[in-house]
Amino acid sequence: MVIVRERKGDVTISTVILIVLGLAVLVMLIVGFTKGWDFFFGAFDNAPSELQTLAKACALYAQGTLRIDFCSYKLIGDEIVNCRHPTIIDSLKNDGVNTEINSLRCDMDNFSFRQSACQTLAPAKPETKITTSDGEKTCADYLSGTTVRCTGPVVISPACSTYNTDFACRTAGCTWT
């Protein structure tokens, strides 16, 4: 006669792995809540800023005399900038990049270019900053009195086309398209 003994204390390897993972997650949660999450994720803040990344891209645009890319506006944070932004120009000069050549001239003071940048990059954000040769302005300076994709019935007074932000348009009962 063969007697088979049952083992009641056996623990499988997968159970041990799950217990170890559970303890690791528990320790991470405790440390995260007591010391702050920067203890684990603070290293990700050391990446270059968007403005620094754009400055390096602008150096490539300047070396290749790529005027369209060099002069195009981009939304970075709460500011609309292009490669003629004073901070980027300083960075390019420090790197020895010549930005004074005629092929890199931007019509930075052209009102319609800045207005178009505000309409396309920050249509519902009139507080967005944009740097000009006159200093720093906001998109509200370029959007006031302009028609910005606000439509509605003709019977509404004042007409929907007079509103230049999403909030103002919808508040008046018009449609932001």
N, C-alpha and C. Protein backbone atom coordinates (compact mmCIF):
# COMPACT_ATOMS: atom_id res chain seq x y z
N MET A 1 0.82 -1.15 0.00
CA MET A 1 0.00 0.00 0.00
C MET A 1 0.89 1.25 0.00
N VAL A 2 0.54 2.22 -0.86
CA VAL A 2 1.30 3.46 -1.00
C VAL A 2 0.53 4.57 -0.30
N ILE A 3 1.23 5.23 0.57
CA ILE A 3 0.59 6.33 1.29
C ILE A 3 1.10 7.65 0.69
N VAL A 4 0.15 8.45 0.27
CA VAL A 4 0.48 9.75 -0.32
C VAL A 4 0.20 10.82 0.73
N ARG A 5 1.24 11.55 1.05
CA ARG A 5 1.06 12.60 2.06
C ARG A 5 0.85 13.94 1.36
N GLU A 6 -0.14 14.65 1.81
CA GLU A 6 -0.41 15.98 1.26
C GLU A 6 0.44 17.00 1.99
N ARG A 7 1.03 17.89 1.20
CA ARG A 7 1.81 18.97 1.79
C ARG A 7 0.94 20.22 1.82
N LYS A 8 0.67 20.68 2.98
CA LYS A 8 -0.19 21.84 3.10
C LYS A 8 0.60 23.13 3.19
N GLY A 9 1.89 23.12 3.39
CA GLY A 9 2.68 24.33 3.57
C GLY A 9 3.43 24.75 2.31
N ASP A 10 3.18 24.13 1.17
CA ASP A 10 3.89 24.48 -0.06
C ASP A 10 3.45 25.85 -0.58
N VAL A 11 4.43 26.64 -0.99
CA VAL A 11 4.17 27.94 -1.58
C VAL A 11 4.82 27.94 -2.97
N THR A 12 4.04 28.28 -3.96
CA THR A 12 4.58 28.27 -5.32
C THR A 12 5.48 29.49 -5.54
N ILE A 13 6.32 29.41 -6.53
CA ILE A 13 7.24 30.50 -6.84
C ILE A 13 6.49 31.76 -7.28
N SER A 14 5.39 31.60 -7.99
CA SER A 14 4.61 32.77 -8.41
C SER A 14 4.02 33.50 -7.20
N THR A 15 3.64 32.78 -6.19
CA THR A 15 3.12 33.41 -4.97
C THR A 15 4.22 34.23 -4.29
N VAL A 16 5.41 33.70 -4.24
CA VAL A 16 6.54 34.42 -3.63
C VAL A 16 6.84 35.69 -4.42
N ILE A 17 6.83 35.61 -5.74
CA ILE A 17 7.10 36.78 -6.59
C ILE A 17 6.03 37.85 -6.36
N LEU A 18 4.76 37.45 -6.30
CA LEU A 18 3.68 38.40 -6.06
C LEU A 18 3.79 39.07 -4.69
N ILE A 19 4.20 38.33 -3.69
CA ILE A 19 4.38 38.89 -2.35
C ILE A 19 5.50 39.93 -2.35
N VAL A 20 6.62 39.60 -3.01
CA VAL A 20 7.76 40.52 -3.08
C VAL A 20 7.37 41.79 -3.84
N LEU A 21 6.68 41.64 -4.97
CA LEU A 21 6.23 42.81 -5.73
C LEU A 21 5.26 43.67 -4.92
N GLY A 22 4.37 43.03 -4.22
CA GLY A 22 3.41 43.75 -3.38
C GLY A 22 4.11 44.55 -2.29
N LEU A 23 5.12 43.94 -1.66
CA LEU A 23 5.88 44.65 -0.64
C LEU A 23 6.65 45.83 -1.23
N ALA A 24 7.22 45.66 -2.44
CA ALA A 24 7.96 46.74 -3.08
C ALA A 24 7.03 47.92 -3.39
N VAL A 25 5.84 47.63 -3.90
CA VAL A 25 4.88 48.69 -4.19
C VAL A 25 4.45 49.38 -2.89
N LEU A 26 4.24 48.62 -1.85
CA LEU A 26 3.85 49.19 -0.57
C LEU A 26 4.94 50.13 -0.03
N VAL A 27 6.20 49.70 -0.13
CA VAL A 27 7.32 50.55 0.33
C VAL A 27 7.38 51.82 -0.52
N MET A 28 7.20 51.71 -1.85
CA MET A 28 7.22 52.89 -2.71
C MET A 28 6.10 53.85 -2.34
N LEU A 29 4.92 53.35 -2.05
CA LEU A 29 3.81 54.21 -1.65
C LEU A 29 4.10 54.92 -0.33
N ILE A 30 4.65 54.20 0.62
CA ILE A 30 4.96 54.81 1.91
C ILE A 30 6.02 55.90 1.75
N VAL A 31 7.08 55.61 1.01
CA VAL A 31 8.14 56.60 0.79
C VAL A 31 7.61 57.77 -0.02
N GLY A 32 6.80 57.50 -1.03
CA GLY A 32 6.24 58.58 -1.84
C GLY A 32 5.37 59.53 -1.05
N PHE A 33 4.55 59.00 -0.14
CA PHE A 33 3.68 59.86 0.64
C PHE A 33 4.41 60.56 1.79
N THR A 34 5.48 59.97 2.29
CA THR A 34 6.20 60.60 3.41
C THR A 34 7.29 61.56 2.94
N LYS A 35 8.11 61.17 1.97
CA LYS A 35 9.21 62.01 1.50
C LYS A 35 8.85 62.83 0.27
N GLY A 36 7.74 62.55 -0.34
CA GLY A 36 7.34 63.27 -1.55
C GLY A 36 7.69 62.46 -2.78
N TRP A 37 6.92 62.69 -3.84
CA TRP A 37 7.10 61.90 -5.06
C TRP A 37 8.34 62.30 -5.84
N ASP A 38 8.91 63.48 -5.53
CA ASP A 38 10.15 63.87 -6.20
C ASP A 38 11.29 62.94 -5.83
N PHE A 39 11.17 62.23 -4.75
CA PHE A 39 12.20 61.27 -4.36
C PHE A 39 12.40 60.23 -5.47
N PHE A 40 11.30 59.85 -6.13
CA PHE A 40 11.39 58.88 -7.23
C PHE A 40 11.43 59.56 -8.60
N PHE A 41 10.60 60.59 -8.78
CA PHE A 41 10.41 61.15 -10.11
C PHE A 41 11.14 62.47 -10.33
N GLY A 42 11.92 62.94 -9.37
CA GLY A 42 12.63 64.20 -9.50
C GLY A 42 13.67 64.19 -10.62
N ALA A 43 14.19 63.03 -10.97
CA ALA A 43 15.20 62.94 -12.02
C ALA A 43 14.65 63.34 -13.38
N PHE A 44 13.34 63.23 -13.57
CA PHE A 44 12.75 63.58 -14.86
C PHE A 44 12.72 65.09 -15.08
N ASP A 45 12.86 65.88 -14.01
CA ASP A 45 12.87 67.33 -14.14
C ASP A 45 14.18 67.86 -14.70
N ASN A 46 15.17 67.01 -14.84
CA ASN A 46 16.47 67.44 -15.33
C ASN A 46 16.56 67.47 -16.85
N ALA A 47 15.49 67.16 -17.52
CA ALA A 47 15.48 67.19 -18.99
C ALA A 47 15.52 68.64 -19.46
N PRO A 48 16.06 68.89 -20.65
CA PRO A 48 16.09 70.27 -21.15
C PRO A 48 14.69 70.83 -21.33
N SER A 49 14.56 72.14 -21.12
CA SER A 49 13.26 72.79 -21.28
C SER A 49 12.90 72.84 -22.76
N GLU A 50 11.62 73.14 -23.01
CA GLU A 50 11.17 73.25 -24.40
C GLU A 50 11.87 74.40 -25.11
N LEU A 51 12.14 75.49 -24.37
CA LEU A 51 12.82 76.64 -24.96
C LEU A 51 14.25 76.28 -25.33
N GLN A 52 14.93 75.52 -24.47
CA GLN A 52 16.30 75.08 -24.78
C GLN A 52 16.30 74.15 -25.98
N THR A 53 15.33 73.27 -26.07
CA THR A 53 15.22 72.37 -27.21
C THR A 53 14.98 73.15 -28.49
N LEU A 54 14.11 74.17 -28.42
CA LEU A 54 13.87 75.01 -29.59
C LEU A 54 15.13 75.76 -29.98
N ALA A 55 15.90 76.23 -29.01
CA ALA A 55 17.15 76.95 -29.31
C ALA A 55 18.11 76.06 -30.08
N LYS A 56 18.21 74.81 -29.72
CA LYS A 56 19.09 73.88 -30.45
C LYS A 56 18.55 73.62 -31.85
N ALA A 57 17.23 73.53 -31.98
CA ALA A 57 16.63 73.36 -33.30
C ALA A 57 16.87 74.60 -34.15
N CYS A 58 16.79 75.78 -33.52
CA CYS A 58 17.02 77.04 -34.24
C CYS A 58 18.45 77.10 -34.77
N ALA A 59 19.40 76.55 -34.03
CA ALA A 59 20.79 76.52 -34.50
C ALA A 59 20.88 75.70 -35.79
N LEU A 60 20.16 74.61 -35.84
CA LEU A 60 20.15 73.78 -37.06
C LEU A 60 19.46 74.51 -38.20
N TYR A 61 18.35 75.21 -37.90
CA TYR A 61 17.65 75.97 -38.93
C TYR A 61 18.56 77.06 -39.49
N ALA A 62 19.31 77.72 -38.61
CA ALA A 62 20.20 78.80 -39.05
C ALA A 62 21.34 78.26 -39.91
N GLN A 63 21.92 77.15 -39.51
CA GLN A 63 23.02 76.57 -40.27
C GLN A 63 22.56 76.11 -41.65
N GLY A 64 21.34 75.65 -41.74
CA GLY A 64 20.80 75.21 -43.03
C GLY A 64 20.06 76.30 -43.76
N THR A 65 20.07 77.52 -43.24
CA THR A 65 19.33 78.67 -43.76
C THR A 65 17.87 78.30 -44.09
N LEU A 66 17.24 77.66 -43.13
CA LEU A 66 15.84 77.25 -43.27
C LEU A 66 14.95 78.35 -42.69
N ARG A 67 14.69 79.37 -43.49
CA ARG A 67 14.01 80.57 -43.02
C ARG A 67 12.59 80.30 -42.52
N ILE A 68 11.85 79.47 -43.21
CA ILE A 68 10.46 79.21 -42.80
C ILE A 68 10.42 78.62 -41.40
N ASP A 69 11.23 77.62 -41.14
CA ASP A 69 11.27 77.01 -39.81
C ASP A 69 11.85 77.97 -38.78
N PHE A 70 12.85 78.75 -39.18
CA PHE A 70 13.49 79.71 -38.28
C PHE A 70 12.50 80.78 -37.84
N CYS A 71 11.63 81.21 -38.72
CA CYS A 71 10.71 82.31 -38.43
C CYS A 71 9.34 81.84 -37.92
N SER A 72 9.03 80.57 -38.02
CA SER A 72 7.72 80.07 -37.60
C SER A 72 7.55 80.17 -36.10
N TYR A 73 6.35 80.58 -35.69
CA TYR A 73 6.04 80.68 -34.27
C TYR A 73 5.63 79.33 -33.73
N LYS A 74 5.98 79.10 -32.46
CA LYS A 74 5.61 77.87 -31.76
C LYS A 74 5.11 78.24 -30.37
N LEU A 75 4.17 77.47 -29.86
CA LEU A 75 3.64 77.70 -28.52
C LEU A 75 4.47 76.89 -27.54
N ILE A 76 5.13 77.59 -26.62
CA ILE A 76 5.92 76.93 -25.59
C ILE A 76 5.41 77.43 -24.24
N GLY A 77 4.75 76.55 -23.52
CA GLY A 77 4.16 76.94 -22.25
C GLY A 77 3.06 77.95 -22.48
N ASP A 78 3.22 79.13 -21.90
CA ASP A 78 2.23 80.19 -22.08
C ASP A 78 2.78 81.33 -22.92
N GLU A 79 3.70 81.00 -23.82
CA GLU A 79 4.32 82.02 -24.66
C GLU A 79 4.46 81.52 -26.10
N ILE A 80 4.22 82.41 -27.04
CA ILE A 80 4.42 82.10 -28.46
C ILE A 80 5.78 82.68 -28.86
N VAL A 81 6.66 81.82 -29.36
CA VAL A 81 8.02 82.26 -29.69
C VAL A 81 8.44 81.75 -31.06
N ASN A 82 9.43 82.40 -31.63
CA ASN A 82 10.13 81.86 -32.79
C ASN A 82 11.62 82.02 -32.52
N CYS A 83 12.45 81.73 -33.49
CA CYS A 83 13.89 81.74 -33.28
C CYS A 83 14.44 83.15 -33.08
N ARG A 84 13.63 84.17 -33.27
CA ARG A 84 14.05 85.56 -33.04
C ARG A 84 13.76 86.01 -31.60
N HIS A 85 13.32 85.10 -30.76
CA HIS A 85 13.09 85.41 -29.35
C HIS A 85 14.43 85.81 -28.73
N PRO A 86 14.48 86.88 -27.92
CA PRO A 86 15.76 87.36 -27.37
C PRO A 86 16.57 86.30 -26.64
N THR A 87 15.93 85.43 -25.89
CA THR A 87 16.65 84.38 -25.17
C THR A 87 17.30 83.41 -26.14
N ILE A 88 16.59 83.06 -27.21
CA ILE A 88 17.14 82.13 -28.19
C ILE A 88 18.26 82.79 -28.98
N ILE A 89 18.11 84.05 -29.34
CA ILE A 89 19.17 84.76 -30.06
C ILE A 89 20.44 84.81 -29.22
N ASP A 90 20.32 85.08 -27.92
CA ASP A 90 21.49 85.08 -27.03
C ASP A 90 22.16 83.71 -27.01
N SER A 91 21.36 82.66 -26.93
CA SER A 91 21.90 81.30 -26.93
C SER A 91 22.62 80.99 -28.24
N LEU A 92 22.02 81.41 -29.37
CA LEU A 92 22.64 81.17 -30.67
C LEU A 92 23.95 81.93 -30.81
N LYS A 93 23.98 83.18 -30.32
CA LYS A 93 25.22 83.97 -30.38
C LYS A 93 26.31 83.33 -29.53
N ASN A 94 25.94 82.81 -28.36
CA ASN A 94 26.92 82.12 -27.51
C ASN A 94 27.47 80.87 -28.16
N ASP A 95 26.66 80.25 -29.01
CA ASP A 95 27.11 79.05 -29.73
C ASP A 95 27.84 79.40 -31.03
N GLY A 96 27.97 80.68 -31.32
CA GLY A 96 28.69 81.12 -32.51
C GLY A 96 27.88 81.04 -33.79
N VAL A 97 26.57 81.04 -33.69
CA VAL A 97 25.71 80.96 -34.87
C VAL A 97 25.40 82.39 -35.34
N ASN A 98 25.61 82.64 -36.62
CA ASN A 98 25.34 83.96 -37.19
C ASN A 98 23.86 84.03 -37.59
N THR A 99 23.12 84.85 -36.88
CA THR A 99 21.69 85.00 -37.17
C THR A 99 21.39 86.29 -37.93
N GLU A 100 22.43 87.02 -38.31
CA GLU A 100 22.25 88.31 -38.98
C GLU A 100 22.26 88.21 -40.50
N ILE A 101 22.37 87.02 -41.05
CA ILE A 101 22.39 86.90 -42.51
C ILE A 101 20.99 87.17 -43.06
N ASN A 102 20.95 87.71 -44.25
CA ASN A 102 19.67 88.13 -44.86
C ASN A 102 18.68 86.99 -45.03
N SER A 103 19.17 85.79 -45.26
CA SER A 103 18.25 84.68 -45.49
C SER A 103 17.50 84.26 -44.22
N LEU A 104 17.91 84.79 -43.06
CA LEU A 104 17.23 84.46 -41.80
C LEU A 104 16.44 85.64 -41.24
N ARG A 105 16.22 86.66 -42.04
CA ARG A 105 15.44 87.81 -41.59
C ARG A 105 13.97 87.40 -41.48
N CYS A 106 13.39 87.70 -40.35
CA CYS A 106 11.97 87.41 -40.13
C CYS A 106 11.24 88.74 -40.07
N ASP A 107 10.04 88.74 -40.58
CA ASP A 107 9.22 89.93 -40.49
C ASP A 107 8.50 89.89 -39.14
N MET A 108 9.31 89.95 -38.07
CA MET A 108 8.79 89.76 -36.72
C MET A 108 7.82 90.85 -36.30
N ASP A 109 7.96 92.04 -36.85
CA ASP A 109 7.10 93.14 -36.46
C ASP A 109 5.84 93.23 -37.30
N ASN A 110 5.61 92.25 -38.15
CA ASN A 110 4.41 92.26 -38.98
C ASN A 110 3.22 91.87 -38.11
N PHE A 111 2.29 92.78 -37.95
CA PHE A 111 1.11 92.58 -37.11
C PHE A 111 0.33 91.34 -37.52
N SER A 112 0.16 91.14 -38.82
CA SER A 112 -0.67 90.03 -39.28
C SER A 112 -0.03 88.67 -38.98
N PHE A 113 1.31 88.58 -38.99
CA PHE A 113 1.96 87.32 -38.64
C PHE A 113 1.74 86.98 -37.17
N ARG A 114 1.88 87.97 -36.30
CA ARG A 114 1.66 87.74 -34.88
C ARG A 114 0.18 87.44 -34.60
N GLN A 115 -0.70 88.15 -35.30
CA GLN A 115 -2.13 87.91 -35.14
C GLN A 115 -2.48 86.49 -35.57
N SER A 116 -1.94 86.06 -36.70
CA SER A 116 -2.18 84.71 -37.18
C SER A 116 -1.64 83.67 -36.21
N ALA A 117 -0.46 83.92 -35.63
CA ALA A 117 0.12 83.00 -34.65
C ALA A 117 -0.79 82.88 -33.44
N CYS A 118 -1.32 83.99 -32.97
CA CYS A 118 -2.23 83.95 -31.82
C CYS A 118 -3.52 83.21 -32.16
N GLN A 119 -4.05 83.43 -33.36
CA GLN A 119 -5.30 82.78 -33.76
C GLN A 119 -5.13 81.28 -33.91
N THR A 120 -3.99 80.83 -34.41
CA THR A 120 -3.82 79.39 -34.65
C THR A 120 -3.24 78.65 -33.46
N LEU A 121 -2.32 79.27 -32.72
CA LEU A 121 -1.65 78.57 -31.62
C LEU A 121 -2.36 78.73 -30.28
N ALA A 122 -3.03 79.86 -30.07
CA ALA A 122 -3.69 80.10 -28.78
C ALA A 122 -4.99 80.86 -28.99
N PRO A 123 -5.95 80.29 -29.74
CA PRO A 123 -7.16 81.03 -30.07
C PRO A 123 -8.03 81.39 -28.87
N ALA A 124 -8.06 80.58 -27.87
CA ALA A 124 -8.92 80.86 -26.72
C ALA A 124 -8.11 81.27 -25.50
N LYS A 125 -6.89 81.71 -25.72
CA LYS A 125 -6.01 82.08 -24.61
C LYS A 125 -5.46 83.49 -24.85
N PRO A 126 -6.24 84.52 -24.61
CA PRO A 126 -5.77 85.88 -24.88
C PRO A 126 -4.63 86.31 -23.98
N GLU A 127 -4.40 85.60 -22.86
CA GLU A 127 -3.31 85.96 -21.95
C GLU A 127 -1.95 85.41 -22.40
N THR A 128 -1.92 84.64 -23.48
CA THR A 128 -0.67 84.08 -23.99
C THR A 128 0.27 85.20 -24.41
N LYS A 129 1.53 85.11 -23.97
CA LYS A 129 2.51 86.14 -24.26
C LYS A 129 3.13 85.91 -25.64
N ILE A 130 3.52 87.02 -26.27
CA ILE A 130 4.24 86.96 -27.53
C ILE A 130 5.25 88.10 -27.50
N THR A 131 6.53 87.79 -27.80
CA THR A 131 7.60 88.78 -27.72
C THR A 131 7.79 89.45 -29.07
N THR A 132 7.87 90.77 -29.05
CA THR A 132 8.09 91.55 -30.26
C THR A 132 9.28 92.47 -30.03
N SER A 133 9.63 93.24 -31.04
CA SER A 133 10.73 94.19 -30.87
C SER A 133 10.33 95.31 -29.91
N ASP A 134 9.01 95.50 -29.71
CA ASP A 134 8.51 96.51 -28.77
C ASP A 134 8.50 95.99 -27.33
N GLY A 135 8.79 94.74 -27.15
CA GLY A 135 8.74 94.13 -25.83
C GLY A 135 7.74 92.98 -25.83
N GLU A 136 7.29 92.63 -24.65
CA GLU A 136 6.37 91.51 -24.51
C GLU A 136 4.93 92.01 -24.52
N LYS A 137 4.10 91.38 -25.33
CA LYS A 137 2.68 91.70 -25.41
C LYS A 137 1.90 90.41 -25.19
N THR A 138 0.58 90.52 -25.20
CA THR A 138 -0.26 89.33 -25.11
C THR A 138 -1.07 89.20 -26.39
N CYS A 139 -1.61 88.01 -26.58
CA CYS A 139 -2.43 87.78 -27.77
C CYS A 139 -3.68 88.65 -27.77
N ALA A 140 -4.12 89.09 -26.60
CA ALA A 140 -5.29 89.97 -26.54
C ALA A 140 -5.04 91.25 -27.33
N ASP A 141 -3.76 91.69 -27.39
CA ASP A 141 -3.42 92.89 -28.17
C ASP A 141 -3.61 92.67 -29.67
N TYR A 142 -3.56 91.42 -30.11
CA TYR A 142 -3.67 91.12 -31.53
C TYR A 142 -5.03 90.57 -31.91
N LEU A 143 -5.78 90.08 -30.93
CA LEU A 143 -7.06 89.46 -31.25
C LEU A 143 -8.25 90.40 -31.07
N SER A 144 -8.08 91.48 -30.33
CA SER A 144 -9.22 92.36 -30.08
C SER A 144 -9.71 92.97 -31.39
N GLY A 145 -11.00 92.87 -31.59
CA GLY A 145 -11.61 93.43 -32.79
C GLY A 145 -11.46 92.57 -34.02
N THR A 146 -10.92 91.37 -33.89
CA THR A 146 -10.76 90.51 -35.06
C THR A 146 -11.80 89.40 -35.04
N THR A 147 -12.03 88.82 -36.16
CA THR A 147 -12.96 87.71 -36.28
C THR A 147 -12.19 86.41 -36.11
N VAL A 148 -12.59 85.62 -35.13
CA VAL A 148 -11.88 84.38 -34.86
C VAL A 148 -12.86 83.23 -34.73
N ARG A 149 -13.21 82.62 -35.81
CA ARG A 149 -13.99 81.40 -35.84
C ARG A 149 -15.20 81.39 -34.92
N CYS A 150 -15.89 82.48 -34.77
CA CYS A 150 -17.08 82.53 -33.95
C CYS A 150 -18.26 82.79 -34.87
N THR A 151 -19.20 81.85 -34.90
CA THR A 151 -20.32 81.97 -35.82
C THR A 151 -21.64 81.78 -35.08
N GLY A 152 -22.70 82.23 -35.69
CA GLY A 152 -24.01 82.06 -35.08
C GLY A 152 -25.08 82.72 -35.91
N PRO A 153 -26.30 82.73 -35.41
CA PRO A 153 -27.40 83.34 -36.15
C PRO A 153 -27.20 84.84 -36.33
N VAL A 154 -27.69 85.36 -37.40
CA VAL A 154 -27.54 86.78 -37.72
C VAL A 154 -28.31 87.66 -36.75
N VAL A 155 -29.35 87.13 -36.13
CA VAL A 155 -30.22 87.95 -35.27
C VAL A 155 -29.57 88.32 -33.94
N ILE A 156 -28.46 87.67 -33.56
CA ILE A 156 -27.80 87.99 -32.29
C ILE A 156 -27.12 89.34 -32.41
N SER A 157 -27.30 90.18 -31.37
CA SER A 157 -26.65 91.48 -31.38
C SER A 157 -25.81 91.58 -30.11
N PRO A 158 -24.54 91.92 -30.16
CA PRO A 158 -23.75 92.15 -31.37
C PRO A 158 -23.48 90.84 -32.10
N ALA A 159 -23.09 90.95 -33.33
CA ALA A 159 -22.88 89.77 -34.18
C ALA A 159 -21.81 88.87 -33.58
N CYS A 160 -21.95 87.56 -33.79
CA CYS A 160 -21.01 86.59 -33.25
C CYS A 160 -19.59 86.84 -33.73
N SER A 161 -19.44 87.38 -34.91
CA SER A 161 -18.11 87.57 -35.47
C SER A 161 -17.28 88.58 -34.70
N THR A 162 -17.89 89.31 -33.76
CA THR A 162 -17.13 90.30 -33.00
C THR A 162 -16.39 89.69 -31.82
N TYR A 163 -16.70 88.46 -31.45
CA TYR A 163 -16.07 87.82 -30.30
C TYR A 163 -14.79 87.11 -30.73
N ASN A 164 -13.74 87.25 -29.89
CA ASN A 164 -12.46 86.71 -30.31
C ASN A 164 -11.90 85.64 -29.38
N THR A 165 -12.65 85.19 -28.42
CA THR A 165 -12.21 84.07 -27.59
C THR A 165 -13.34 83.06 -27.51
N ASP A 166 -12.97 81.85 -27.23
CA ASP A 166 -13.95 80.77 -27.11
C ASP A 166 -14.96 81.10 -26.02
N PHE A 167 -14.47 81.57 -24.86
CA PHE A 167 -15.36 81.87 -23.75
C PHE A 167 -16.36 82.96 -24.11
N ALA A 168 -15.87 84.06 -24.67
CA ALA A 168 -16.76 85.17 -25.03
C ALA A 168 -17.76 84.75 -26.09
N CYS A 169 -17.31 83.95 -27.03
CA CYS A 169 -18.17 83.49 -28.11
C CYS A 169 -19.32 82.64 -27.56
N ARG A 170 -18.99 81.66 -26.75
CA ARG A 170 -20.01 80.75 -26.21
C ARG A 170 -20.92 81.47 -25.22
N THR A 171 -20.38 82.42 -24.45
CA THR A 171 -21.19 83.18 -23.50
C THR A 171 -22.26 83.97 -24.23
N ALA A 172 -21.95 84.45 -25.41
CA ALA A 172 -22.91 85.23 -26.20
C ALA A 172 -23.91 84.35 -26.91
N GLY A 173 -23.80 83.04 -26.77
CA GLY A 173 -24.74 82.14 -27.43
C GLY A 173 -24.33 81.78 -28.84
N CYS A 174 -23.09 82.06 -29.20
CA CYS A 174 -22.60 81.74 -30.53
C CYS A 174 -21.87 80.40 -30.50
N THR A 175 -21.35 79.98 -31.64
CA THR A 175 -20.66 78.70 -31.75
C THR A 175 -19.21 78.92 -32.13
N TRP A 176 -18.31 78.34 -31.34
CA TRP A 176 -16.87 78.39 -31.63
C TRP A 176 -16.53 77.20 -32.52
N THR A 177 -16.11 77.48 -33.75
CA THR A 177 -15.85 76.37 -34.69
C THR A 177 -14.40 76.24 -35.01
